[in-house]
Each structure stands twice: as structure tokens, then as C-alpha cells.
């Protein structure tokens, strides 16, 4: 296996969409994709890893791919997400403080929706459309897709204090502006 290193402390460039047949892409890149997945699996402290953050034998692996830990499975299972696109941001947005392998010793501070709907290809080339990811997993999707899209995030020192969450009661009007009660709206995506 090639040595794989995470490229630290730099904003990752936008990676273009895959404009070839997905099966051809999977066949042509099978070895690199498996090495990438194996690397992600060995990083137990990480829950996601975008492909444009890693280098195989000195060459950056530039593809719209990220590895995602299935956080509900024990032992942890990893899967590849290929050419992901967020099609809808669902629910209100909140400020989140996140760790990141790119910015070791720092924190990413970003606005995240409570849930996202996504389209992507899985590791056997099947197209998945409209899949809903809520809560922490939805946050991971937003973080990794921002890496792939080259979106700059706010970076703070490790001592940065986490913002206080909103104090919303179940029967309050939802702050997202839907005119629904919180319990019938954004509360569903916690």
C-alpha cells in the first residue's frame, strides 16, 4: 500500500465533478479508492475524510470522494461516498464547532443545517438520490462536502468556546420561520 498522508493546515481546493462513466471511474481507480477507505478505517478518531485531503505516493488524490464512518454500526464500518451533492438543506441552521484532520490543534466553526438531503454514488456505482441525513451525520456530510467544494471555513484556536445552543421549548414557534411549532419542525432533525 502506498503511504497516505493527510495534507495539514491548508484550505483544500474545489474538486470538479466526475465527468466520466461512474463504473469506468470505479474500475480505473479501484486500488486508490480501496487504499483511501483502508486509511480512513485506520483513523478511528475521524468520522469522515475527504479525498482531496490525502496524498498517495506524492500525488494528491483529486476526486469528489469521501469516506464516512457509519456511526450507528459497531464495529465501525466505513463506506465511500462518490460525487456527493447536497440537494436540500433542511431545518434551521446553527453554529457548530468541529475538529478536522486538516487543521490539527484548531477548530472549525461553521453554520450547519440540522439535516441535509443528498445525491451520490456508492462504492458499487449505484446512484442514491434524496437520502436524508440528520443530526451529527448530517453535520459530517456538510463538513466533508465543503472540503470537496473548496469552501473556506472559519478556523479558531483549540480553546475556542462552543457557542450556546438556542433555548427553544417544544411548543415555541420554530425559529426557522416555518410558522410551525418547534416540536413539529426542526426538533425532528436533532
Protein backbone atom coordinates (compact mmCIF):
# COMPACT_ATOMS: atom_id res chain seq x y z
CA UNK A 1 0.00 0.00 0.00
CA UNK A 2 1.26 3.50 -0.80
CA UNK A 3 1.98 5.78 2.11
CA UNK A 4 -1.02 8.03 2.60
CA UNK A 5 -0.65 11.35 4.35
CA UNK A 6 -3.18 13.97 5.32
CA UNK A 7 -2.20 17.38 3.98
CA UNK A 8 -2.50 19.61 7.07
CA UNK A 9 -3.26 23.28 7.63
CA UNK A 10 -4.41 24.34 4.20
CA UNK A 11 -7.78 25.02 2.69
CA UNK A 12 -8.50 22.32 0.15
CA UNK A 13 -9.23 23.35 -3.44
CA UNK A 14 -12.56 22.68 -5.10
CA UNK A 15 -12.61 19.30 -6.77
CA UNK A 16 -14.52 19.09 -10.07
CA UNK A 17 -17.40 16.68 -10.53
CA UNK A 18 -16.60 13.31 -12.06
CA UNK A 19 -17.45 13.67 -15.76
CA UNK A 20 -16.87 10.07 -16.81
CA UNK A 21 -18.96 6.95 -16.59
CA UNK A 22 -19.10 6.07 -12.88
CA UNK A 23 -18.37 2.35 -13.46
CA UNK A 24 -15.30 3.30 -15.52
CA UNK A 25 -14.20 5.66 -12.75
CA UNK A 26 -14.59 2.89 -10.14
CA UNK A 27 -12.66 0.35 -12.25
CA UNK A 28 -9.86 2.77 -13.12
CA UNK A 29 -9.42 3.96 -9.52
CA UNK A 30 -10.26 0.75 -7.63
CA UNK A 31 -6.84 0.38 -5.96
CA UNK A 32 -6.63 4.03 -4.86
CA UNK A 33 -10.23 4.02 -3.61
CA UNK A 34 -9.63 0.87 -1.53
CA UNK A 35 -6.40 2.34 -0.09
CA UNK A 36 -8.27 5.52 0.75
CA UNK A 37 -11.03 3.56 2.50
CA UNK A 38 -8.45 1.45 4.39
CA UNK A 39 -6.69 4.63 5.50
CA UNK A 40 -9.95 6.15 6.74
CA UNK A 41 -10.74 2.91 8.61
CA UNK A 42 -7.36 3.10 10.39
CA UNK A 43 -8.17 6.63 11.64
CA UNK A 44 -10.61 5.71 14.40
CA UNK A 45 -10.73 9.26 15.79
CA UNK A 46 -12.09 10.54 12.47
CA UNK A 47 -15.69 10.13 11.30
CA UNK A 48 -15.14 11.40 7.76
CA UNK A 49 -12.28 12.05 5.36
CA UNK A 50 -12.45 13.93 2.06
CA UNK A 51 -10.28 12.55 -0.74
CA UNK A 52 -8.76 15.88 -1.64
CA UNK A 53 -7.13 15.99 1.79
CA UNK A 54 -4.89 12.98 1.17
CA UNK A 55 -1.87 12.17 -0.95
CA UNK A 56 -0.97 8.76 -2.38
CA UNK A 57 2.75 8.36 -3.04
CA UNK A 58 3.19 12.10 -3.53
CA UNK A 59 0.18 12.55 -5.82
CA UNK A 60 -2.93 14.20 -4.46
CA UNK A 61 -5.98 12.07 -4.95
CA UNK A 62 -8.28 14.59 -6.57
CA UNK A 63 -11.77 13.15 -6.80
CA UNK A 64 -15.14 14.00 -5.32
CA UNK A 65 -14.99 11.16 -2.82
CA UNK A 66 -15.17 10.97 0.92
CA UNK A 67 -15.10 8.12 3.38
CA UNK A 68 -17.78 8.12 6.06
CA UNK A 69 -17.97 6.10 9.25
CA UNK A 70 -21.40 4.59 9.81
CA UNK A 71 -21.79 5.92 13.32
CA UNK A 72 -24.63 3.52 14.19
CA UNK A 73 -22.65 0.33 13.46
CA UNK A 74 -20.35 -1.47 15.90
CA UNK A 75 -17.59 -2.19 14.98
CA UNK A 76 -17.33 0.94 12.88
CA UNK A 77 -18.00 0.35 9.20
CA UNK A 78 -16.69 2.73 6.53
CA UNK A 79 -18.22 3.47 3.16
CA UNK A 80 -17.22 5.56 0.18
CA UNK A 81 -19.39 8.45 -0.97
CA UNK A 82 -18.67 9.37 -4.60
CA UNK A 83 -19.62 12.65 -6.33
CA UNK A 84 -21.84 13.86 -3.45
CA UNK A 85 -24.19 16.82 -3.86
CA UNK A 86 -26.37 18.40 -1.19
CA UNK A 87 -29.74 18.91 -2.87
CA UNK A 88 -31.52 20.44 0.13
CA UNK A 89 -30.62 21.97 3.49
CA UNK A 90 -33.38 21.04 5.96
CA UNK A 91 -34.26 22.77 9.21
CA UNK A 92 -32.72 25.72 10.95
CA UNK A 93 -29.01 26.45 10.90
CA UNK A 94 -26.81 26.53 13.98
CA UNK A 95 -23.18 27.37 14.66
CA UNK A 96 -21.17 24.18 15.27
CA UNK A 97 -17.58 23.72 16.44
CA UNK A 98 -15.83 20.77 14.78
CA UNK A 99 -12.50 19.01 14.75
CA UNK A 100 -10.72 18.44 11.44
CA UNK A 101 -7.67 16.41 10.37
CA UNK A 102 -6.67 19.27 8.07
CA UNK A 103 -6.48 21.73 10.98
CA UNK A 104 -4.91 19.71 13.81
CA UNK A 105 -4.91 21.65 17.06
CA UNK A 106 -7.56 24.03 15.71
CA UNK A 107 -11.36 24.07 15.50
CA UNK A 108 -13.65 24.66 12.53
CA UNK A 109 -16.55 26.99 13.37
CA UNK A 110 -19.33 26.69 10.80
CA UNK A 111 -23.03 27.21 10.25
CA UNK A 112 -24.73 23.83 9.72
CA UNK A 113 -28.29 22.83 8.93
CA UNK A 114 -29.88 20.22 11.14
CA UNK A 115 -30.36 17.88 8.18
CA UNK A 116 -29.46 17.54 4.50
CA UNK A 117 -30.81 15.65 1.51
CA UNK A 118 -28.05 14.30 -0.70
CA UNK A 119 -27.41 12.58 -4.02
CA UNK A 120 -24.28 10.46 -4.55
CA UNK A 121 -22.88 7.22 -5.97
CA UNK A 122 -21.99 4.37 -3.64
CA UNK A 123 -18.90 2.21 -3.98
CA UNK A 124 -20.55 -0.19 -6.45
CA UNK A 125 -21.70 2.65 -8.70
CA UNK A 126 -25.39 2.80 -7.73
CA UNK A 127 -26.88 6.29 -7.78
CA UNK A 128 -28.52 7.25 -4.49
CA UNK A 129 -30.95 10.19 -4.68
CA UNK A 130 -32.65 12.24 -1.97
CA UNK A 131 -31.17 10.40 1.03
CA UNK A 132 -31.83 12.30 4.28
CA UNK A 133 -29.08 12.67 6.91
CA UNK A 134 -29.94 14.30 10.23
CA UNK A 135 -28.10 15.48 13.32
CA UNK A 136 -24.40 14.65 13.65
CA UNK A 137 -24.28 12.60 10.44
CA UNK A 138 -25.84 15.50 8.52
CA UNK A 139 -23.16 17.74 10.03
CA UNK A 140 -20.42 15.38 8.78
CA UNK A 141 -21.88 15.46 5.26
CA UNK A 142 -21.85 19.26 5.25
CA UNK A 143 -18.25 19.37 6.57
CA UNK A 144 -16.85 16.90 4.01
CA UNK A 145 -18.76 18.31 1.03
CA UNK A 146 -17.48 21.78 1.94
CA UNK A 147 -13.94 20.34 1.70
CA UNK A 148 -14.73 18.94 -1.75
CA UNK A 149 -16.23 22.28 -2.84
CA UNK A 150 -13.24 24.26 -1.53
CA UNK A 151 -15.45 26.30 0.80
CA UNK A 152 -13.37 28.16 3.36
CA UNK A 153 -14.39 27.63 6.95
CA UNK A 154 -13.64 29.80 9.98
CA UNK A 155 -10.68 28.35 11.87
CA UNK A 156 -10.17 29.10 15.59
CA UNK A 157 -7.67 28.04 18.26
CA UNK A 158 -8.43 24.84 20.16
CA UNK A 159 -9.52 26.79 23.26
CA UNK A 160 -12.40 28.40 21.38
CA UNK A 161 -15.56 28.06 23.49
CA UNK A 162 -18.54 26.42 21.88
CA UNK A 163 -21.50 28.72 21.21
CA UNK A 164 -24.51 28.27 23.46
CA UNK A 165 -27.35 26.39 21.83
CA UNK A 166 -30.69 28.09 21.37
CA UNK A 167 -33.10 27.81 24.29
CA UNK A 168 -36.25 26.69 22.47
CA UNK A 169 -39.16 24.92 24.12
CA UNK A 170 -41.06 22.21 22.24
CA UNK A 171 -44.21 24.31 21.91
CA UNK A 172 -42.42 27.53 20.87
CA UNK A 173 -42.68 28.81 17.32
CA UNK A 174 -39.79 27.32 15.31
CA UNK A 175 -37.01 29.87 14.73
CA UNK A 176 -36.56 28.71 11.11
CA UNK A 177 -39.60 30.77 10.08
CA UNK A 178 -41.90 27.92 9.08
CA UNK A 179 -44.71 29.12 11.43
CA UNK A 180 -44.87 25.59 12.87
CA UNK A 181 -44.26 24.63 16.49
CA UNK A 182 -40.66 23.63 17.15
CA UNK A 183 -41.69 20.04 18.04
CA UNK A 184 -43.34 19.62 14.60
CA UNK A 185 -40.44 21.21 12.67
CA UNK A 186 -36.69 21.47 13.30
CA UNK A 187 -36.86 19.47 16.55
CA UNK A 188 -37.43 16.41 14.35
CA UNK A 189 -33.88 16.75 12.94
CA UNK A 190 -31.96 16.75 16.21
